[in-house]
Amino acid sequence: MFNLLLLIRKDIILLRNFIPLFLLSILFVAYVQKDSSSMFAAFQSLLLLVYSCSMDAQNNNTKFVIGLPVSRQEIVLAKYLSLIPYNFIGLVCSLVLFLISFSFGYSISPVYWIGVYLTLLMIPLTASIYLPIHYWLGYKNFYFNTFFNVVVTITTISAGASLTNSSVFSKITHLKLQDHLVQIGLIGIVYLFILYFSYKISLRLFSREEL
C-alpha cells in the first residue's frame, strides 16, 4: 500500500507544470458552457491521467520505476487508483465553478450536481478504455494521447450542451432510489467488473512489455 501511495505521489509531482494549462482548459470549458453546463468541466480532470502517462512515456520514467522495489502490478494499479485524487480535483473544480457562476449571477441548472456526479462516474469508465490502449502502444502513444485529449475536450463541450437540455436529468431527478435497488446493484457490479477487467488487460499488456 505504501508503494502505491508513493507511485501516485510521483504522478502528482509530474503534473505540477501541467496544472496551469489544466486550469486554463477548465476555464475555457466553463466559458463555453457558462449558461448551463459548466458541471462537465469535471471531466477535464481525466486529462491529468493522460498527461501523467505521457510524461512517463516521454521521460522513460517507467524504466526507472521498474528498477525500484515495486512490482509491475503495483505500477499499473497505481495508475487506476490515481483516478481517486483526479476525481477529487474535478469535484473541487466543479464546486469552484459553481460558486463563480453563482457570484456573477449566471443561471445555475437545478440538476448541476447530478451532472457532476454522473461525470465523475464516467471518468473511471473512460480511463478503463484509455489505459489498456496506453499500455498496448507503450512508448508509441504520443499521437494517441494528443488525439485522446482533443476527443475529451470536444466531447465535454458537446455533451454538456446536449445532455443538460435533455430529459435524462429530469428523469434522474425524480428517480426514487429505493424502488430500483436491484438495478442499481447490478449496474454497480457491472461497473466494477469493467474496471477490474480493464486492469487485468493493462497488467497483462504491461507485463509483456520489454523495458
Protein backbone atom coordinates (compact mmCIF):
# COMPACT_ATOMS: atom_id res chain seq x y z
CA MET A 1 0.00 0.00 0.00
CA PHE A 2 2.84 2.40 0.82
CA ASN A 3 4.40 1.78 -2.61
CA LEU A 4 1.08 2.62 -4.26
CA LEU A 5 0.91 5.93 -2.41
CA LEU A 6 4.45 6.78 -3.48
CA LEU A 7 3.69 5.95 -7.11
CA ILE A 8 0.58 8.14 -7.05
CA ARG A 9 2.62 10.90 -5.40
CA LYS A 10 5.17 10.58 -8.21
CA ASP A 11 2.46 11.19 -10.81
CA ILE A 12 1.11 14.22 -8.97
CA ILE A 13 4.60 15.72 -8.75
CA LEU A 14 5.00 15.24 -12.50
CA LEU A 15 1.80 17.20 -13.05
CA ARG A 16 2.96 20.38 -11.31
CA ASN A 17 3.90 22.14 -14.55
CA PHE A 18 0.69 20.96 -16.23
CA ILE A 19 -1.65 22.41 -13.59
CA PRO A 20 -1.76 25.97 -15.09
CA LEU A 21 -2.67 24.57 -18.53
CA PHE A 22 -5.24 22.31 -16.93
CA LEU A 23 -6.86 25.24 -15.11
CA LEU A 24 -6.98 27.22 -18.37
CA SER A 25 -8.79 24.33 -20.06
CA ILE A 26 -11.27 24.26 -17.18
CA LEU A 27 -11.90 27.99 -17.58
CA PHE A 28 -12.32 27.54 -21.34
CA VAL A 29 -14.92 24.80 -20.91
CA ALA A 30 -16.67 26.85 -18.24
CA TYR A 31 -16.79 29.90 -20.53
CA VAL A 32 -18.20 27.91 -23.45
CA GLN A 33 -20.84 26.30 -21.25
CA LYS A 34 -21.35 29.05 -18.70
CA ASP A 35 -25.11 29.18 -19.15
CA SER A 36 -25.96 25.65 -18.10
CA SER A 37 -23.22 23.06 -18.45
CA SER A 38 -20.05 24.08 -16.60
CA MET A 39 -20.55 20.96 -14.47
CA PHE A 40 -18.98 18.96 -17.31
CA ALA A 41 -15.68 20.71 -16.71
CA ALA A 42 -15.07 17.97 -14.12
CA PHE A 43 -14.49 15.57 -16.98
CA GLN A 44 -11.37 17.52 -17.88
CA SER A 45 -9.66 16.03 -14.81
CA LEU A 46 -9.26 12.89 -16.93
CA LEU A 47 -6.56 14.83 -18.79
CA LEU A 48 -4.43 14.64 -15.64
CA LEU A 49 -4.23 10.88 -16.09
CA VAL A 50 -3.43 11.24 -19.79
CA TYR A 51 -0.68 13.77 -19.14
CA SER A 52 0.92 11.65 -16.40
CA CYS A 53 1.02 8.70 -18.82
CA SER A 54 2.53 10.95 -21.49
CA MET A 55 5.22 12.13 -19.11
CA ASP A 56 6.09 8.54 -18.23
CA ALA A 57 6.48 7.70 -21.91
CA GLN A 58 8.44 10.81 -22.90
CA ASN A 59 10.86 10.74 -19.95
CA ASN A 60 11.15 6.95 -19.81
CA ASN A 61 10.01 7.10 -16.18
CA THR A 62 8.61 3.58 -16.26
CA LYS A 63 12.04 2.11 -16.95
CA PHE A 64 13.35 3.91 -13.87
CA VAL A 65 10.41 2.93 -11.66
CA ILE A 66 10.60 -0.74 -12.67
CA GLY A 67 14.14 -0.78 -11.25
CA LEU A 68 12.80 0.16 -7.81
CA PRO A 69 11.46 -2.43 -5.32
CA VAL A 70 7.95 -2.25 -6.78
CA SER A 71 6.10 -4.79 -8.87
CA ARG A 72 4.53 -4.21 -12.26
CA GLN A 73 1.20 -4.97 -10.64
CA GLU A 74 1.68 -2.04 -8.26
CA ILE A 75 2.71 0.27 -11.11
CA VAL A 76 -0.45 -0.48 -13.09
CA LEU A 77 -2.72 -0.45 -10.05
CA ALA A 78 -1.33 2.95 -9.01
CA LYS A 79 -2.46 4.38 -12.37
CA TYR A 80 -6.01 3.22 -11.73
CA LEU A 81 -6.02 4.39 -8.10
CA SER A 82 -4.69 7.80 -9.17
CA LEU A 83 -8.18 8.39 -10.54
CA ILE A 84 -9.31 8.98 -6.94
CA PRO A 85 -7.32 12.22 -6.43
CA TYR A 86 -8.03 13.24 -10.04
CA ASN A 87 -11.77 12.85 -9.43
CA PHE A 88 -11.41 14.86 -6.25
CA ILE A 89 -9.73 17.65 -8.22
CA GLY A 90 -12.61 17.53 -10.70
CA LEU A 91 -15.11 17.79 -7.86
CA VAL A 92 -13.29 20.79 -6.38
CA CYS A 93 -13.18 22.48 -9.82
CA SER A 94 -16.92 21.92 -10.20
CA LEU A 95 -17.53 23.47 -6.79
CA VAL A 96 -15.37 26.49 -7.63
CA LEU A 97 -17.13 26.97 -10.97
CA PHE A 98 -20.48 26.70 -9.24
CA LEU A 99 -19.52 29.43 -6.77
CA ILE A 100 -18.07 31.67 -9.51
CA SER A 101 -21.16 31.26 -11.70
CA PHE A 102 -23.43 31.96 -8.76
CA SER A 103 -21.47 35.04 -7.71
CA PHE A 104 -21.62 36.51 -11.24
CA GLY A 105 -25.34 35.90 -11.49
CA TYR A 106 -25.28 33.18 -14.14
CA SER A 107 -28.22 30.82 -14.16
CA ILE A 108 -27.41 27.52 -12.45
CA SER A 109 -29.17 24.38 -13.63
CA PRO A 110 -31.16 22.69 -10.83
CA VAL A 111 -29.54 19.39 -11.83
CA TYR A 112 -26.00 20.77 -11.67
CA TRP A 113 -24.72 18.33 -9.05
CA ILE A 114 -26.41 15.35 -10.68
CA GLY A 115 -24.37 16.13 -13.77
CA VAL A 116 -21.22 16.43 -11.68
CA TYR A 117 -21.73 13.03 -10.03
CA LEU A 118 -22.51 11.33 -13.33
CA THR A 119 -19.45 12.92 -14.88
CA LEU A 120 -17.19 11.69 -12.06
CA LEU A 121 -18.59 8.20 -12.53
CA MET A 122 -17.81 8.36 -16.25
CA ILE A 123 -14.15 9.24 -15.71
CA PRO A 124 -13.07 5.75 -14.47
CA LEU A 125 -15.06 4.12 -17.29
CA THR A 126 -13.30 6.27 -19.87
CA ALA A 127 -9.96 5.54 -18.21
CA SER A 128 -10.74 1.82 -18.43
CA ILE A 129 -10.68 2.26 -22.21
CA TYR A 130 -7.67 4.57 -22.30
CA LEU A 131 -5.24 2.70 -20.03
CA PRO A 132 -5.22 -0.65 -21.88
CA ILE A 133 -4.55 1.24 -25.13
CA HIS A 134 -1.81 3.20 -23.37
CA TYR A 135 -0.05 0.03 -22.23
CA TRP A 136 -0.60 -1.61 -25.60
CA LEU A 137 1.05 1.24 -27.50
CA GLY A 138 3.81 1.73 -24.93
CA TYR A 139 6.18 4.49 -25.92
CA LYS A 140 4.48 4.98 -29.29
CA ASN A 141 1.35 6.56 -27.87
CA PHE A 142 2.23 10.25 -28.27
CA TYR A 143 -0.16 10.81 -31.17
CA PHE A 144 -2.85 8.75 -29.48
CA ASN A 145 -2.63 10.93 -26.35
CA THR A 146 -2.95 14.07 -28.47
CA PHE A 147 -5.96 12.61 -30.25
CA PHE A 148 -7.49 11.49 -26.96
CA ASN A 149 -7.07 14.97 -25.45
CA VAL A 150 -8.89 16.54 -28.40
CA VAL A 151 -11.70 13.98 -28.20
CA VAL A 152 -12.14 14.56 -24.44
CA THR A 153 -12.33 18.33 -24.88
CA ILE A 154 -14.77 18.22 -27.80
CA THR A 155 -16.92 15.57 -26.11
CA THR A 156 -17.01 17.57 -22.91
CA ILE A 157 -18.30 20.66 -24.68
CA SER A 158 -20.84 18.94 -26.94
CA ALA A 159 -22.13 16.55 -24.26
CA GLY A 160 -22.60 19.35 -21.78
CA ALA A 161 -24.68 21.36 -24.20
CA SER A 162 -26.90 18.45 -25.27
CA LEU A 163 -27.39 16.34 -22.15
CA THR A 164 -28.26 19.19 -19.82
CA ASN A 165 -31.20 20.12 -22.01
CA SER A 166 -32.36 16.53 -22.48
CA SER A 167 -34.91 14.59 -20.48
CA VAL A 168 -32.24 12.34 -18.93
CA PHE A 169 -31.52 14.60 -15.99
CA SER A 170 -35.17 15.27 -15.28
CA LYS A 171 -35.81 11.53 -15.10
CA ILE A 172 -32.86 11.02 -12.75
CA THR A 173 -34.04 13.89 -10.56
CA HIS A 174 -37.41 12.23 -9.99
CA LEU A 175 -35.93 8.75 -9.65
CA LYS A 176 -36.62 7.03 -6.31
CA LEU A 177 -33.52 5.02 -5.49
CA GLN A 178 -35.33 2.73 -3.03
CA ASP A 179 -37.50 1.46 -5.88
CA HIS A 180 -34.54 0.50 -8.06
CA LEU A 181 -32.05 -1.04 -5.62
CA VAL A 182 -31.69 -4.26 -7.61
CA GLN A 183 -30.99 -2.44 -10.87
CA ILE A 184 -28.55 -0.09 -9.17
CA GLY A 185 -26.78 -3.05 -7.57
CA LEU A 186 -26.45 -4.83 -10.91
CA ILE A 187 -25.16 -1.67 -12.57
CA GLY A 188 -22.62 -1.30 -9.76
CA ILE A 189 -21.41 -4.88 -10.23
CA VAL A 190 -21.03 -4.38 -13.99
CA TYR A 191 -19.24 -1.08 -13.34
CA LEU A 192 -16.69 -2.72 -11.03
CA PHE A 193 -16.26 -5.67 -13.40
CA ILE A 194 -15.41 -3.34 -16.28
CA LEU A 195 -12.76 -1.60 -14.17
CA TYR A 196 -11.31 -4.92 -12.98
CA PHE A 197 -11.30 -6.39 -16.50
CA SER A 198 -9.57 -3.26 -17.80
CA TYR A 199 -6.96 -3.51 -15.04
CA LYS A 200 -6.22 -7.16 -15.85
CA ILE A 201 -5.81 -6.34 -19.56
CA SER A 202 -3.48 -3.43 -18.75
CA LEU A 203 -1.43 -5.60 -16.40
CA ARG A 204 -1.12 -8.36 -18.99
CA LEU A 205 -0.02 -5.90 -21.68
CA PHE A 206 2.45 -4.17 -19.37
CA SER A 207 3.89 -7.50 -18.19
CA ARG A 208 4.74 -8.37 -21.80
CA GLU A 209 6.39 -5.04 -22.49
CA GLU A 210 10.18 -5.06 -22.73
CA LEU A 211 11.75 -2.16 -20.82
